[in-house]
């Protein structure tokens, strides 16, 4: 089993949906970042 850990930013997982324009994709990414901060995740 590989136990190596690596950091992944939640913004690396930004939702990009079919049919979204760039404005909608940025809005979704911003909402995701705000929600994760509310849950206590921090960026480093």
PDB file of N, CA and C in Angstrom:
ATOM      1  N   UNK A   1       0.841  -1.182   0.000  1.00  0.00           N
ATOM      2  CA  UNK A   1       0.000   0.000   0.000  1.00  0.00           C
ATOM      3  C   UNK A   1       0.886   1.246   0.000  1.00  0.00           C
ATOM      4  N   UNK A   2       0.578   2.180  -0.844  1.00  0.00           N
ATOM      5  CA  UNK A   2       1.333   3.420  -0.925  1.00  0.00           C
ATOM      6  C   UNK A   2       0.745   4.424   0.057  1.00  0.00           C
ATOM      7  N   UNK A   3       1.528   4.852   1.031  1.00  0.00           N
ATOM      8  CA  UNK A   3       1.033   5.789   2.037  1.00  0.00           C
ATOM      9  C   UNK A   3       1.581   7.196   1.827  1.00  0.00           C
ATOM     10  N   UNK A   4       2.173   7.441   0.692  1.00  0.00           N
ATOM     11  CA  UNK A   4       2.715   8.761   0.386  1.00  0.00           C
ATOM     12  C   UNK A   4       1.570   9.772   0.309  1.00  0.00           C
ATOM     13  N   UNK A   5       1.754  10.921   0.941  1.00  0.00           N
ATOM     14  CA  UNK A   5       0.726  11.956   0.923  1.00  0.00           C
ATOM     15  C   UNK A   5       1.174  13.133   0.074  1.00  0.00           C
ATOM     16  N   UNK A   6       0.224  13.801  -0.506  1.00  0.00           N
ATOM     17  CA  UNK A   6       0.522  15.007  -1.258  1.00  0.00           C
ATOM     18  C   UNK A   6      -0.640  15.980  -1.078  1.00  0.00           C
ATOM     19  N   UNK A   7      -0.322  17.239  -1.143  1.00  0.00           N
ATOM     20  CA  UNK A   7      -1.329  18.286  -0.943  1.00  0.00           C
ATOM     21  C   UNK A   7      -2.079  18.552  -2.244  1.00  0.00           C
ATOM     22  N   UNK A   8      -3.385  18.632  -2.125  1.00  0.00           N
ATOM     23  CA  UNK A   8      -4.226  18.992  -3.255  1.00  0.00           C
ATOM     24  C   UNK A   8      -5.122  20.131  -2.807  1.00  0.00           C
ATOM     25  N   UNK A   9      -5.059  21.213  -3.496  1.00  0.00           N
ATOM     26  CA  UNK A   9      -5.929  22.343  -3.189  1.00  0.00           C
ATOM     27  C   UNK A   9      -7.334  22.028  -3.657  1.00  0.00           C
ATOM     28  N   UNK A  10      -8.303  22.466  -2.879  1.00  0.00           N
ATOM     29  CA  UNK A  10      -9.687  22.255  -3.299  1.00  0.00           C
ATOM     30  C   UNK A  10      -9.952  22.981  -4.611  1.00  0.00           C
ATOM     31  N   UNK A  11      -9.196  24.027  -4.892  1.00  0.00           N
ATOM     32  CA  UNK A  11      -9.374  24.739  -6.152  1.00  0.00           C
ATOM     33  C   UNK A  11      -8.831  23.939  -7.332  1.00  0.00           C
ATOM     34  N   UNK A  12      -7.983  22.931  -7.059  1.00  0.00           N
ATOM     35  CA  UNK A  12      -7.580  22.019  -8.123  1.00  0.00           C
ATOM     36  C   UNK A  12      -8.767  21.171  -8.572  1.00  0.00           C
ATOM     37  N   UNK A  13      -9.807  21.164  -7.753  1.00  0.00           N
ATOM     38  CA  UNK A  13     -11.002  20.384  -8.041  1.00  0.00           C
ATOM     39  C   UNK A  13     -12.156  21.289  -8.465  1.00  0.00           C
ATOM     40  N   UNK A  14     -11.836  22.430  -9.015  1.00  0.00           N
ATOM     41  CA  UNK A  14     -12.866  23.396  -9.402  1.00  0.00           C
ATOM     42  C   UNK A  14     -13.839  22.771 -10.383  1.00  0.00           C
ATOM     43  N   UNK A  15     -15.128  22.940 -10.118  1.00  0.00           N
ATOM     44  CA  UNK A  15     -16.125  22.334 -11.005  1.00  0.00           C
ATOM     45  C   UNK A  15     -16.183  23.027 -12.363  1.00  0.00           C
ATOM     46  N   UNK A  16     -16.006  22.262 -13.405  1.00  0.00           N
ATOM     47  CA  UNK A  16     -16.139  22.763 -14.768  1.00  0.00           C
ATOM     48  C   UNK A  16     -17.198  21.901 -15.438  1.00  0.00           C
ATOM     49  N   UNK A  17     -18.324  22.493 -15.713  1.00  0.00           N
ATOM     50  CA  UNK A  17     -19.442  21.732 -16.245  1.00  0.00           C
ATOM     51  C   UNK A  17     -19.650  22.070 -17.722  1.00  0.00           C
ATOM     52  N   UNK A  18     -20.126  21.092 -18.437  1.00  0.00           N
ATOM     53  CA  UNK A  18     -20.432  21.302 -19.850  1.00  0.00           C
ATOM     54  C   UNK A  18     -21.438  22.436 -19.975  1.00  0.00           C
ATOM     55  N   UNK A  19     -21.183  23.332 -20.883  1.00  0.00           N
ATOM     56  CA  UNK A  19     -22.084  24.435 -21.123  1.00  0.00           C
ATOM     57  C   UNK A  19     -21.824  25.664 -20.269  1.00  0.00           C
ATOM     58  N   UNK A  20     -20.902  25.571 -19.304  1.00  0.00           N
ATOM     59  CA  UNK A  20     -20.550  26.733 -18.483  1.00  0.00           C
ATOM     60  C   UNK A  20     -19.677  27.675 -19.293  1.00  0.00           C
ATOM     61  N   UNK A  21     -19.917  28.957 -19.124  1.00  0.00           N
ATOM     62  CA  UNK A  21     -18.966  29.907 -19.685  1.00  0.00           C
ATOM     63  C   UNK A  21     -17.937  30.224 -18.605  1.00  0.00           C
ATOM     64  N   UNK A  22     -16.944  31.017 -18.927  1.00  0.00           N
ATOM     65  CA  UNK A  22     -15.857  31.276 -17.974  1.00  0.00           C
ATOM     66  C   UNK A  22     -16.359  31.980 -16.715  1.00  0.00           C
ATOM     67  N   UNK A  23     -17.324  32.876 -16.851  1.00  0.00           N
ATOM     68  CA  UNK A  23     -17.872  33.576 -15.691  1.00  0.00           C
ATOM     69  C   UNK A  23     -18.540  32.590 -14.736  1.00  0.00           C
ATOM     70  N   UNK A  24     -19.319  31.683 -15.264  1.00  0.00           N
ATOM     71  CA  UNK A  24     -19.995  30.695 -14.427  1.00  0.00           C
ATOM     72  C   UNK A  24     -19.002  29.751 -13.748  1.00  0.00           C
ATOM     73  N   UNK A  25     -17.950  29.377 -14.457  1.00  0.00           N
ATOM     74  CA  UNK A  25     -16.934  28.500 -13.875  1.00  0.00           C
ATOM     75  C   UNK A  25     -16.212  29.199 -12.719  1.00  0.00           C
ATOM     76  N   UNK A  26     -15.897  30.484 -12.878  1.00  0.00           N
ATOM     77  CA  UNK A  26     -15.232  31.241 -11.812  1.00  0.00           C
ATOM     78  C   UNK A  26     -16.171  31.411 -10.619  1.00  0.00           C
ATOM     79  N   UNK A  27     -17.448  31.663 -10.882  1.00  0.00           N
ATOM     80  CA  UNK A  27     -18.426  31.777  -9.793  1.00  0.00           C
ATOM     81  C   UNK A  27     -18.528  30.465  -9.008  1.00  0.00           C
ATOM     82  N   UNK A  28     -18.544  29.342  -9.707  1.00  0.00           N
ATOM     83  CA  UNK A  28     -18.621  28.040  -9.043  1.00  0.00           C
ATOM     84  C   UNK A  28     -17.364  27.779  -8.214  1.00  0.00           C
ATOM     85  N   UNK A  29     -16.204  28.153  -8.742  1.00  0.00           N
ATOM     86  CA  UNK A  29     -14.949  27.973  -8.023  1.00  0.00           C
ATOM     87  C   UNK A  29     -14.912  28.856  -6.775  1.00  0.00           C
ATOM     88  N   UNK A  30     -15.412  30.075  -6.892  1.00  0.00           N
ATOM     89  CA  UNK A  30     -15.459  30.994  -5.751  1.00  0.00           C
ATOM     90  C   UNK A  30     -16.378  30.455  -4.667  1.00  0.00           C
ATOM     91  N   UNK A  31     -17.537  29.957  -5.046  1.00  0.00           N
ATOM     92  CA  UNK A  31     -18.477  29.377  -4.088  1.00  0.00           C
ATOM     93  C   UNK A  31     -17.863  28.168  -3.387  1.00  0.00           C
ATOM     94  N   UNK A  32     -17.181  27.327  -4.141  1.00  0.00           N
ATOM     95  CA  UNK A  32     -16.515  26.166  -3.555  1.00  0.00           C
ATOM     96  C   UNK A  32     -15.471  26.598  -2.525  1.00  0.00           C
ATOM     97  N   UNK A  33     -14.675  27.613  -2.854  1.00  0.00           N
ATOM     98  CA  UNK A  33     -13.653  28.105  -1.923  1.00  0.00           C
ATOM     99  C   UNK A  33     -14.296  28.673  -0.663  1.00  0.00           C
ATOM    100  N   UNK A  34     -15.372  29.416  -0.814  1.00  0.00           N
ATOM    101  CA  UNK A  34     -16.061  29.996   0.342  1.00  0.00           C
ATOM    102  C   UNK A  34     -16.640  28.908   1.249  1.00  0.00           C
ATOM    103  N   UNK A  35     -17.225  27.904   0.648  1.00  0.00           N
ATOM    104  CA  UNK A  35     -17.822  26.826   1.437  1.00  0.00           C
ATOM    105  C   UNK A  35     -16.769  26.012   2.181  1.00  0.00           C
ATOM    106  N   UNK A  36     -15.630  25.763   1.556  1.00  0.00           N
ATOM    107  CA  UNK A  36     -14.587  25.002   2.241  1.00  0.00           C
ATOM    108  C   UNK A  36     -13.972  25.806   3.374  1.00  0.00           C
ATOM    109  N   UNK A  37     -13.847  27.123   3.206  1.00  0.00           N
ATOM    110  CA  UNK A  37     -13.351  27.952   4.301  1.00  0.00           C
ATOM    111  C   UNK A  37     -14.328  27.935   5.472  1.00  0.00           C
ATOM    112  N   UNK A  38     -15.633  27.954   5.195  1.00  0.00           N
ATOM    113  CA  UNK A  38     -16.637  27.896   6.252  1.00  0.00           C
ATOM    114  C   UNK A  38     -16.559  26.572   7.018  1.00  0.00           C
ATOM    115  N   UNK A  39     -16.123  25.522   6.337  1.00  0.00           N
ATOM    116  CA  UNK A  39     -15.990  24.211   6.983  1.00  0.00           C
ATOM    117  C   UNK A  39     -14.680  24.074   7.760  1.00  0.00           C
ATOM    118  N   UNK A  40     -13.830  25.096   7.674  1.00  0.00           N
ATOM    119  CA  UNK A  40     -12.605  25.094   8.454  1.00  0.00           C
ATOM    120  C   UNK A  40     -11.351  24.658   7.717  1.00  0.00           C
ATOM    121  N   UNK A  41     -11.473  24.416   6.419  1.00  0.00           N
ATOM    122  CA  UNK A  41     -10.278  24.098   5.639  1.00  0.00           C
ATOM    123  C   UNK A  41      -9.518  25.382   5.385  1.00  0.00           C
ATOM    124  N   UNK A  42      -8.217  25.300   5.395  1.00  0.00           N
ATOM    125  CA  UNK A  42      -7.428  26.492   5.135  1.00  0.00           C
ATOM    126  C   UNK A  42      -6.455  26.216   3.998  1.00  0.00           C
ATOM    127  N   UNK A  43      -6.018  27.246   3.357  1.00  0.00           N
ATOM    128  CA  UNK A  43      -5.049  27.110   2.262  1.00  0.00           C
ATOM    129  C   UNK A  43      -3.668  27.477   2.804  1.00  0.00           C
ATOM    130  N   UNK A  44      -2.705  26.784   2.320  1.00  0.00           N
ATOM    131  CA  UNK A  44      -1.318  27.041   2.697  1.00  0.00           C
ATOM    132  C   UNK A  44      -0.427  26.842   1.506  1.00  0.00           C
TER     133      UNK A  44
END
